[in-house]
Amino acid sequence: MYAANAVRACAYLLGNMFAALGGLLFLPHPGMVGDWADRRRSAARRRLGVPSGSAPTTRRWLALNAATGVPAGLLALLVVGNTIVGVIGLTAWWAFSPADRPRLWVDVPIDGWGDALTLGVVQVVGLGAVACFGLPPLARAQARLLASSRAERLELRVAALTRTRADVLDAHGAELRRIERDLHDGTQGRLVAMTIHLALARQAVREDPDTAEALIERAHASAEAALAELRDVIRTIYPPILADRGLSGALTAVVARSGVPARLDVGDLGEIPAAVETVAYFTVVEALTNATKHSGASVATVTLDREADRLRIRVTDDGTGGADETRGTGLAGIRRRAMALDGEVTVDSPVGGPTSIMVGLPCGW
């Protein structure tokens, strides 16, 4: 465990050092530097488990990383490099000529097994201890330093909520127009036809019973079609299966009819608001639909669990990856629904796969 933490810390510190040097070279291109800052933020979360939040402004990130990233990266490089030299000197000093034998940290050559088993061991153990117990705290401290300040996080949060509110209002308006169009063009027309057929049947019931019966049958067909269209409209607002079976049962049905063979794993979710259930349901539906249409996956996994007041949804597949929100694959709709409830969405879909969509929703209102 200590060795793995040391490796992750070294990789993070060296990455920040190269990012600092690259940032100075590409200073006229703030977009590129901002992208690097986001990548380093993701690396801090992935390798160190540090919830670094949103990256600070490009100028502040450059200054802080230049001041801390280069020294910390050089220290990690020296520790790793001299540990490797110590290992070589400890085990393979005899394979070098006397003039080319590896020299230890303090510039002491290893000329015999006595030096190798004393000085070499001391260097390897000492630098190994520094790597295992010194570099991980250093990396975490730098990750927190490079995270955004409280004021910046608040500013970013306000900006995100402003964008989300605008998106939600636009989506709400579009949804209302769609519902009105569906009801006007479909259900209303069916009901008008049914009314006309019943009125004609009432007039013909005494004089022409056969015609009246035919009109009543047509009215009955119109009523059934209107009910079916109403159910379709209602299903897009709040799926009835959620009310009948709950979130777990509804998702069981979704997974069972998925175009990609899928497995469902649901933990103890407790009481969840209806709005959160609806977003969770449509998130899984959309993610599995994407996997069926675009990924070429052979299997998918849907996992739901709850941690405190947060519902976590994870949908993975073993497809070709390369999911892109800008190509109309439904990811933008998933993000818009989640952001409307102050949730977050993370998509990890490298080219070649696999694809993982993670959604976090607040459910402790």
Protein backbone atom coordinates (compact mmCIF):
# COMPACT_ATOMS: atom_id res chain seq x y z
CA MET A 1 0.00 0.00 0.00
CA TYR A 2 2.79 2.44 0.92
CA ALA A 3 4.65 1.68 -2.30
CA ALA A 4 1.50 2.20 -4.39
CA ASN A 5 0.81 5.53 -2.67
CA ALA A 6 4.40 6.57 -3.31
CA VAL A 7 4.13 5.70 -7.00
CA ARG A 8 0.88 7.67 -7.37
CA ALA A 9 2.36 10.65 -5.51
CA CYS A 10 5.50 10.62 -7.70
CA ALA A 11 3.43 10.44 -10.86
CA TYR A 12 1.30 13.36 -9.70
CA LEU A 13 4.26 15.54 -8.67
CA LEU A 14 6.18 14.84 -11.88
CA GLY A 15 3.07 15.56 -13.92
CA ASN A 16 2.64 18.90 -12.17
CA MET A 17 6.28 19.78 -12.79
CA PHE A 18 5.98 19.14 -16.52
CA ALA A 19 2.64 20.99 -16.56
CA ALA A 20 4.30 23.99 -14.87
CA LEU A 21 7.11 24.06 -17.43
CA GLY A 22 4.68 23.56 -20.29
CA GLY A 23 2.39 26.26 -18.93
CA LEU A 24 5.22 28.78 -19.03
CA LEU A 25 6.02 27.81 -22.63
CA PHE A 26 2.38 28.06 -23.74
CA LEU A 27 1.46 31.12 -21.69
CA PRO A 28 -0.04 32.91 -24.74
CA HIS A 29 -2.57 30.06 -25.03
CA PRO A 30 -4.65 30.23 -21.83
CA GLY A 31 -7.15 27.71 -23.17
CA MET A 32 -4.46 25.04 -23.34
CA VAL A 33 -3.21 25.91 -19.87
CA GLY A 34 -6.76 25.78 -18.52
CA ASP A 35 -7.16 22.32 -20.01
CA TRP A 36 -3.95 21.21 -18.29
CA ALA A 37 -5.22 22.62 -15.00
CA ASP A 38 -8.41 20.57 -15.36
CA ARG A 39 -6.37 17.45 -16.13
CA ARG A 40 -4.20 17.94 -13.06
CA ARG A 41 -7.35 18.43 -10.97
CA SER A 42 -8.67 15.12 -12.27
CA ALA A 43 -5.32 13.48 -11.53
CA ALA A 44 -5.46 14.75 -7.94
CA ARG A 45 -8.88 13.21 -7.47
CA ARG A 46 -8.02 9.96 -9.23
CA ARG A 47 -4.52 9.29 -7.85
CA LEU A 48 -4.61 10.99 -4.46
CA GLY A 49 -8.29 10.95 -3.54
CA VAL A 50 -8.18 14.72 -2.97
CA PRO A 51 -11.52 16.40 -3.79
CA SER A 52 -9.81 19.45 -5.24
CA GLY A 53 -12.99 21.04 -6.57
CA SER A 54 -12.83 23.22 -9.66
CA ALA A 55 -9.47 24.42 -10.84
CA PRO A 56 -8.64 28.06 -9.96
CA THR A 57 -8.20 30.76 -12.54
CA THR A 58 -5.51 30.10 -15.14
CA ARG A 59 -3.24 32.90 -13.92
CA ARG A 60 -3.39 31.81 -10.29
CA TRP A 61 -2.92 28.15 -11.19
CA LEU A 62 0.15 28.98 -13.28
CA ALA A 63 1.71 31.04 -10.51
CA LEU A 64 1.07 28.50 -7.76
CA ASN A 65 2.13 25.51 -9.84
CA ALA A 66 5.29 27.25 -11.06
CA ALA A 67 6.22 28.09 -7.45
CA THR A 68 5.45 24.66 -6.00
CA GLY A 69 5.28 22.19 -8.88
CA VAL A 70 8.87 22.51 -10.10
CA PRO A 71 10.56 22.17 -6.67
CA ALA A 72 8.25 19.34 -5.60
CA GLY A 73 8.68 17.58 -8.93
CA LEU A 74 12.47 17.88 -8.78
CA LEU A 75 12.43 16.45 -5.26
CA ALA A 76 10.36 13.48 -6.44
CA LEU A 77 12.70 13.02 -9.42
CA LEU A 78 15.77 13.07 -7.17
CA VAL A 79 14.25 10.61 -4.72
CA VAL A 80 13.19 8.19 -7.45
CA GLY A 81 16.41 8.54 -9.43
CA ASN A 82 18.71 8.04 -6.48
CA THR A 83 16.62 5.11 -5.23
CA ILE A 84 17.14 3.45 -8.61
CA VAL A 85 20.88 4.23 -8.43
CA GLY A 86 20.97 2.72 -4.94
CA VAL A 87 19.26 -0.46 -6.14
CA ILE A 88 21.70 -0.75 -9.06
CA GLY A 89 24.66 -0.10 -6.77
CA LEU A 90 23.37 -2.64 -4.25
CA THR A 91 22.88 -5.48 -6.73
CA ALA A 92 24.88 -4.87 -9.92
CA TRP A 93 27.90 -2.70 -9.04
CA TRP A 94 30.23 -5.48 -10.15
CA ALA A 95 28.96 -5.34 -13.75
CA PHE A 96 30.45 -1.84 -14.27
CA SER A 97 34.06 -0.88 -14.80
CA PRO A 98 35.73 0.83 -11.80
CA ALA A 99 35.47 4.20 -13.56
CA ASP A 100 31.79 3.83 -14.41
CA ARG A 101 30.40 2.31 -11.22
CA PRO A 102 27.29 4.04 -9.83
CA ARG A 103 27.89 6.62 -7.14
CA LEU A 104 25.55 7.10 -4.21
CA TRP A 105 23.71 10.27 -3.17
CA VAL A 106 26.76 11.61 -1.34
CA ASP A 107 29.01 10.82 -4.34
CA VAL A 108 30.49 7.70 -2.79
CA PRO A 109 31.39 4.90 -5.24
CA ILE A 110 30.58 1.30 -4.44
CA ASP A 111 33.79 -0.71 -4.75
CA GLY A 112 32.85 -3.91 -2.98
CA TRP A 113 30.13 -5.96 -1.37
CA GLY A 114 30.80 -4.24 1.96
CA ASP A 115 29.90 -0.85 0.47
CA ALA A 116 26.93 -2.35 -1.39
CA LEU A 117 25.44 -4.03 1.67
CA THR A 118 25.93 -1.03 3.95
CA LEU A 119 25.87 2.24 2.03
CA GLY A 120 23.63 0.91 -0.74
CA VAL A 121 21.08 -0.49 1.72
CA VAL A 122 21.11 2.74 3.72
CA GLN A 123 20.41 4.83 0.61
CA VAL A 124 17.66 2.55 -0.71
CA VAL A 125 15.91 2.26 2.68
CA GLY A 126 16.27 5.95 3.48
CA LEU A 127 15.01 7.23 0.14
CA GLY A 128 12.33 4.54 0.08
CA ALA A 129 11.07 5.85 3.42
CA VAL A 130 11.07 9.40 2.03
CA ALA A 131 9.11 8.23 -1.03
CA CYS A 132 6.56 6.26 1.02
CA PHE A 133 6.02 8.65 3.92
CA GLY A 134 7.10 12.04 2.58
CA LEU A 135 5.95 12.31 -1.03
CA PRO A 136 2.23 11.38 -0.56
CA PRO A 137 1.60 14.15 2.04
CA LEU A 138 3.55 16.57 -0.14
CA ALA A 139 1.46 15.67 -3.18
CA ARG A 140 -1.81 16.02 -1.27
CA ALA A 141 -0.73 19.38 0.15
CA GLN A 142 0.08 20.68 -3.31
CA ALA A 143 -3.21 19.35 -4.70
CA ARG A 144 -5.12 21.27 -2.02
CA LEU A 145 -3.04 24.38 -2.69
CA LEU A 146 -3.84 24.22 -6.40
CA ALA A 147 -7.55 23.80 -5.73
CA SER A 148 -9.75 26.82 -6.06
CA SER A 149 -10.20 29.17 -3.16
CA ARG A 150 -13.52 29.48 -1.38
CA ALA A 151 -14.31 32.73 -3.19
CA GLU A 152 -13.46 31.18 -6.55
CA ARG A 153 -15.56 28.11 -5.80
CA LEU A 154 -18.48 30.36 -4.89
CA GLU A 155 -18.03 32.37 -8.08
CA LEU A 156 -17.85 29.21 -10.18
CA ARG A 157 -20.87 27.82 -8.38
CA VAL A 158 -22.93 30.95 -9.04
CA ALA A 159 -21.92 30.86 -12.72
CA ALA A 160 -22.82 27.17 -12.97
CA LEU A 161 -26.20 27.73 -11.31
CA THR A 162 -26.90 30.65 -13.64
CA ARG A 163 -26.17 28.50 -16.68
CA THR A 164 -28.17 25.64 -15.22
CA ARG A 165 -31.17 27.86 -14.52
CA ALA A 166 -31.14 29.13 -18.08
CA ASP A 167 -30.83 25.58 -19.45
CA VAL A 168 -33.61 24.34 -17.19
CA LEU A 169 -35.92 27.19 -18.19
CA ASP A 170 -35.23 26.50 -21.87
CA ALA A 171 -35.76 22.77 -21.38
CA HIS A 172 -38.92 23.39 -19.37
CA GLY A 173 -40.31 25.65 -22.09
CA ALA A 174 -39.48 23.10 -24.78
CA GLU A 175 -41.07 20.32 -22.72
CA LEU A 176 -44.25 22.31 -22.22
CA ARG A 177 -44.43 23.02 -25.95
CA ARG A 178 -43.91 19.33 -26.71
CA ILE A 179 -46.65 18.27 -24.28
CA GLU A 180 -49.03 20.90 -25.68
CA ARG A 181 -48.28 19.77 -29.23
CA ASP A 182 -48.77 16.10 -28.37
CA LEU A 183 -52.06 16.80 -26.63
CA HIS A 184 -53.30 19.17 -29.33
CA ASP A 185 -52.28 17.14 -32.36
CA GLY A 186 -52.98 13.72 -30.93
CA THR A 187 -55.22 13.34 -27.91
CA GLN A 188 -57.43 16.33 -28.60
CA GLY A 189 -58.04 15.20 -32.17
CA ARG A 190 -58.98 11.71 -30.94
CA LEU A 191 -61.43 13.14 -28.42
CA VAL A 192 -63.02 15.46 -31.00
CA ALA A 193 -63.47 12.53 -33.38
CA MET A 194 -65.01 10.46 -30.59
CA THR A 195 -67.46 13.26 -29.77
CA ILE A 196 -68.52 13.59 -33.41
CA HIS A 197 -68.99 9.85 -33.77
CA LEU A 198 -71.12 9.68 -30.62
CA ALA A 199 -73.25 12.62 -31.75
CA LEU A 200 -73.88 10.98 -35.12
CA ALA A 201 -74.60 7.65 -33.44
CA ARG A 202 -77.18 9.26 -31.18
CA GLN A 203 -78.96 10.66 -34.22
CA ALA A 204 -78.87 7.35 -36.08
CA VAL A 205 -79.62 4.96 -33.22
CA ARG A 206 -83.37 4.78 -33.94
CA GLU A 207 -83.45 5.03 -37.72
CA ASP A 208 -80.26 3.13 -38.63
CA PRO A 209 -79.02 0.94 -35.74
CA ASP A 210 -76.27 -0.65 -37.87
CA THR A 211 -74.77 2.73 -38.70
CA ALA A 212 -75.07 3.80 -35.05
CA GLU A 213 -73.24 0.66 -33.94
CA ALA A 214 -70.42 1.29 -36.41
CA LEU A 215 -70.11 4.89 -35.22
CA ILE A 216 -70.00 3.75 -31.60
CA GLU A 217 -67.22 1.28 -32.45
CA ARG A 218 -65.24 4.05 -34.11
CA ALA A 219 -65.80 6.29 -31.08
CA HIS A 220 -64.59 3.47 -28.84
CA ALA A 221 -61.45 3.07 -30.97
CA SER A 222 -60.82 6.82 -30.78
CA ALA A 223 -61.17 6.72 -26.98
CA GLU A 224 -58.67 3.86 -26.69
CA ALA A 225 -56.19 5.66 -28.95
CA ALA A 226 -56.60 8.86 -26.89
CA LEU A 227 -55.92 6.93 -23.66
CA ALA A 228 -52.81 5.36 -25.17
CA GLU A 229 -51.48 8.75 -26.25
CA LEU A 230 -52.23 10.21 -22.82
CA ARG A 231 -50.27 7.38 -21.21
CA ASP A 232 -47.34 8.12 -23.53
CA VAL A 233 -47.41 11.80 -22.59
CA ILE A 234 -47.62 11.02 -18.87
CA ARG A 235 -44.78 8.51 -19.16
CA THR A 236 -42.44 11.26 -20.37
CA ILE A 237 -43.33 13.41 -17.36
CA TYR A 238 -43.34 10.83 -14.57
CA PRO A 239 -43.13 7.16 -15.53
CA PRO A 240 -46.09 5.32 -13.97
CA ILE A 241 -43.86 2.33 -13.30
CA LEU A 242 -42.04 4.41 -10.69
CA ALA A 243 -45.26 4.89 -8.76
CA ASP A 244 -46.17 1.21 -9.15
CA ARG A 245 -42.83 -0.49 -8.43
CA GLY A 246 -40.52 2.14 -7.00
CA LEU A 247 -37.09 3.02 -8.38
CA SER A 248 -35.55 -0.43 -7.90
CA GLY A 249 -38.44 -2.24 -9.56
CA ALA A 250 -38.64 0.26 -12.40
CA LEU A 251 -34.92 -0.10 -13.14
CA THR A 252 -35.23 -3.88 -13.01
CA ALA A 253 -37.73 -3.61 -15.86
CA VAL A 254 -35.47 -1.20 -17.76
CA VAL A 255 -32.48 -3.52 -17.45
CA ALA A 256 -34.57 -6.54 -18.46
CA ARG A 257 -35.56 -4.95 -21.77
CA SER A 258 -32.20 -3.30 -22.48
CA GLY A 259 -30.74 -3.85 -25.93
CA VAL A 260 -27.38 -4.60 -24.25
CA PRO A 261 -27.26 -7.44 -21.69
CA ALA A 262 -27.13 -5.56 -18.40
CA ARG A 263 -26.78 -6.28 -14.70
CA LEU A 264 -28.40 -4.18 -11.95
CA ASP A 265 -26.93 -3.71 -8.48
CA VAL A 266 -29.03 -1.59 -6.11
CA GLY A 267 -28.01 -0.91 -2.52
CA ASP A 268 -30.13 0.37 0.36
CA LEU A 269 -31.43 3.65 -1.03
CA GLY A 270 -33.89 4.64 1.69
CA GLU A 271 -36.49 7.34 1.03
CA ILE A 272 -35.82 9.28 -2.18
CA PRO A 273 -37.77 12.34 -3.44
CA ALA A 274 -39.90 11.74 -6.53
CA ALA A 275 -37.94 14.28 -8.58
CA VAL A 276 -34.67 12.46 -7.84
CA GLU A 277 -36.24 9.10 -8.70
CA THR A 278 -37.39 10.49 -12.03
CA VAL A 279 -33.93 11.83 -12.94
CA ALA A 280 -32.29 8.57 -11.84
CA TYR A 281 -34.74 6.55 -13.96
CA PHE A 282 -34.24 8.60 -17.12
CA THR A 283 -30.45 8.64 -16.55
CA VAL A 284 -30.31 4.85 -16.64
CA VAL A 285 -32.72 4.65 -19.59
CA GLU A 286 -30.69 7.16 -21.61
CA ALA A 287 -27.33 5.62 -20.70
CA LEU A 288 -28.43 2.12 -21.70
CA THR A 289 -29.98 3.47 -24.89
CA ASN A 290 -26.66 5.14 -25.74
CA ALA A 291 -24.81 1.89 -25.07
CA THR A 292 -27.18 0.04 -27.38
CA LYS A 293 -27.05 2.55 -30.22
CA HIS A 294 -23.47 3.80 -30.19
CA SER A 295 -21.04 1.72 -28.14
CA GLY A 296 -21.18 -1.76 -29.60
CA ALA A 297 -21.00 -3.06 -26.03
CA SER A 298 -21.57 -6.68 -25.10
CA VAL A 299 -22.43 -6.06 -21.46
CA ALA A 300 -23.39 -3.15 -19.21
CA THR A 301 -23.61 -2.69 -15.45
CA VAL A 302 -25.94 -0.35 -13.55
CA THR A 303 -25.06 0.40 -9.93
CA LEU A 304 -27.02 2.56 -7.48
CA ASP A 305 -26.10 3.28 -3.89
CA ARG A 306 -26.58 6.02 -1.36
CA GLU A 307 -23.99 7.73 0.77
CA ALA A 308 -25.49 10.06 3.38
CA ASP A 309 -27.69 12.47 1.41
CA ARG A 310 -26.27 11.60 -2.01
CA LEU A 311 -27.65 9.11 -4.52
CA ARG A 312 -24.89 7.76 -6.74
CA ILE A 313 -25.62 6.22 -10.13
CA ARG A 314 -22.96 4.49 -12.20
CA VAL A 315 -23.57 2.99 -15.65
CA THR A 316 -20.64 1.25 -17.34
CA ASP A 317 -20.27 -0.69 -20.56
CA ASP A 318 -17.42 -2.46 -22.35
CA GLY A 319 -18.02 -0.75 -25.68
CA THR A 320 -15.76 1.25 -27.96
CA GLY A 321 -15.84 4.43 -25.87
CA GLY A 322 -15.32 7.89 -27.31
CA ALA A 323 -18.65 9.24 -26.02
CA ASP A 324 -19.00 12.94 -26.84
CA GLU A 325 -21.74 15.21 -25.47
CA THR A 326 -21.51 17.47 -28.52
CA ARG A 327 -22.58 14.70 -30.90
CA GLY A 328 -26.12 14.39 -29.61
CA THR A 329 -25.66 11.07 -27.81
CA GLY A 330 -28.03 11.96 -24.96
CA LEU A 331 -25.27 12.85 -22.49
CA ALA A 332 -26.25 16.52 -22.60
CA GLY A 333 -29.78 15.57 -21.55
CA ILE A 334 -28.44 13.49 -18.66
CA ARG A 335 -26.28 16.41 -17.52
CA ARG A 336 -29.13 18.90 -17.86
CA ARG A 337 -31.48 16.77 -15.76
CA ALA A 338 -28.85 16.22 -13.07
CA MET A 339 -27.76 19.86 -12.94
CA ALA A 340 -31.38 20.93 -12.52
CA LEU A 341 -31.30 19.16 -9.13
CA ASP A 342 -27.83 20.51 -8.22
CA GLY A 343 -26.25 17.18 -9.14
CA GLU A 344 -23.05 16.39 -10.97
CA VAL A 345 -22.15 14.19 -13.93
CA THR A 346 -18.77 12.64 -14.76
CA VAL A 347 -18.21 10.86 -18.06
CA ASP A 348 -15.10 8.73 -18.54
CA SER A 349 -15.06 7.33 -22.08
CA PRO A 350 -11.61 6.97 -23.64
CA VAL A 351 -11.43 5.86 -27.25
CA GLY A 352 -11.42 2.08 -27.20
CA GLY A 353 -13.53 1.97 -24.03
CA PRO A 354 -14.81 1.25 -21.56
CA THR A 355 -17.37 3.97 -20.87
CA SER A 356 -18.42 4.96 -17.36
CA ILE A 357 -21.13 7.52 -16.59
CA MET A 358 -21.35 8.61 -12.95
CA VAL A 359 -24.16 10.79 -11.66
CA GLY A 360 -24.54 12.16 -8.14
CA LEU A 361 -27.91 13.52 -7.00
CA PRO A 362 -28.88 15.12 -3.67
CA CYS A 363 -31.68 13.22 -1.95
CA GLY A 364 -31.66 14.62 1.58
CA TRP A 365 -33.97 17.56 1.02
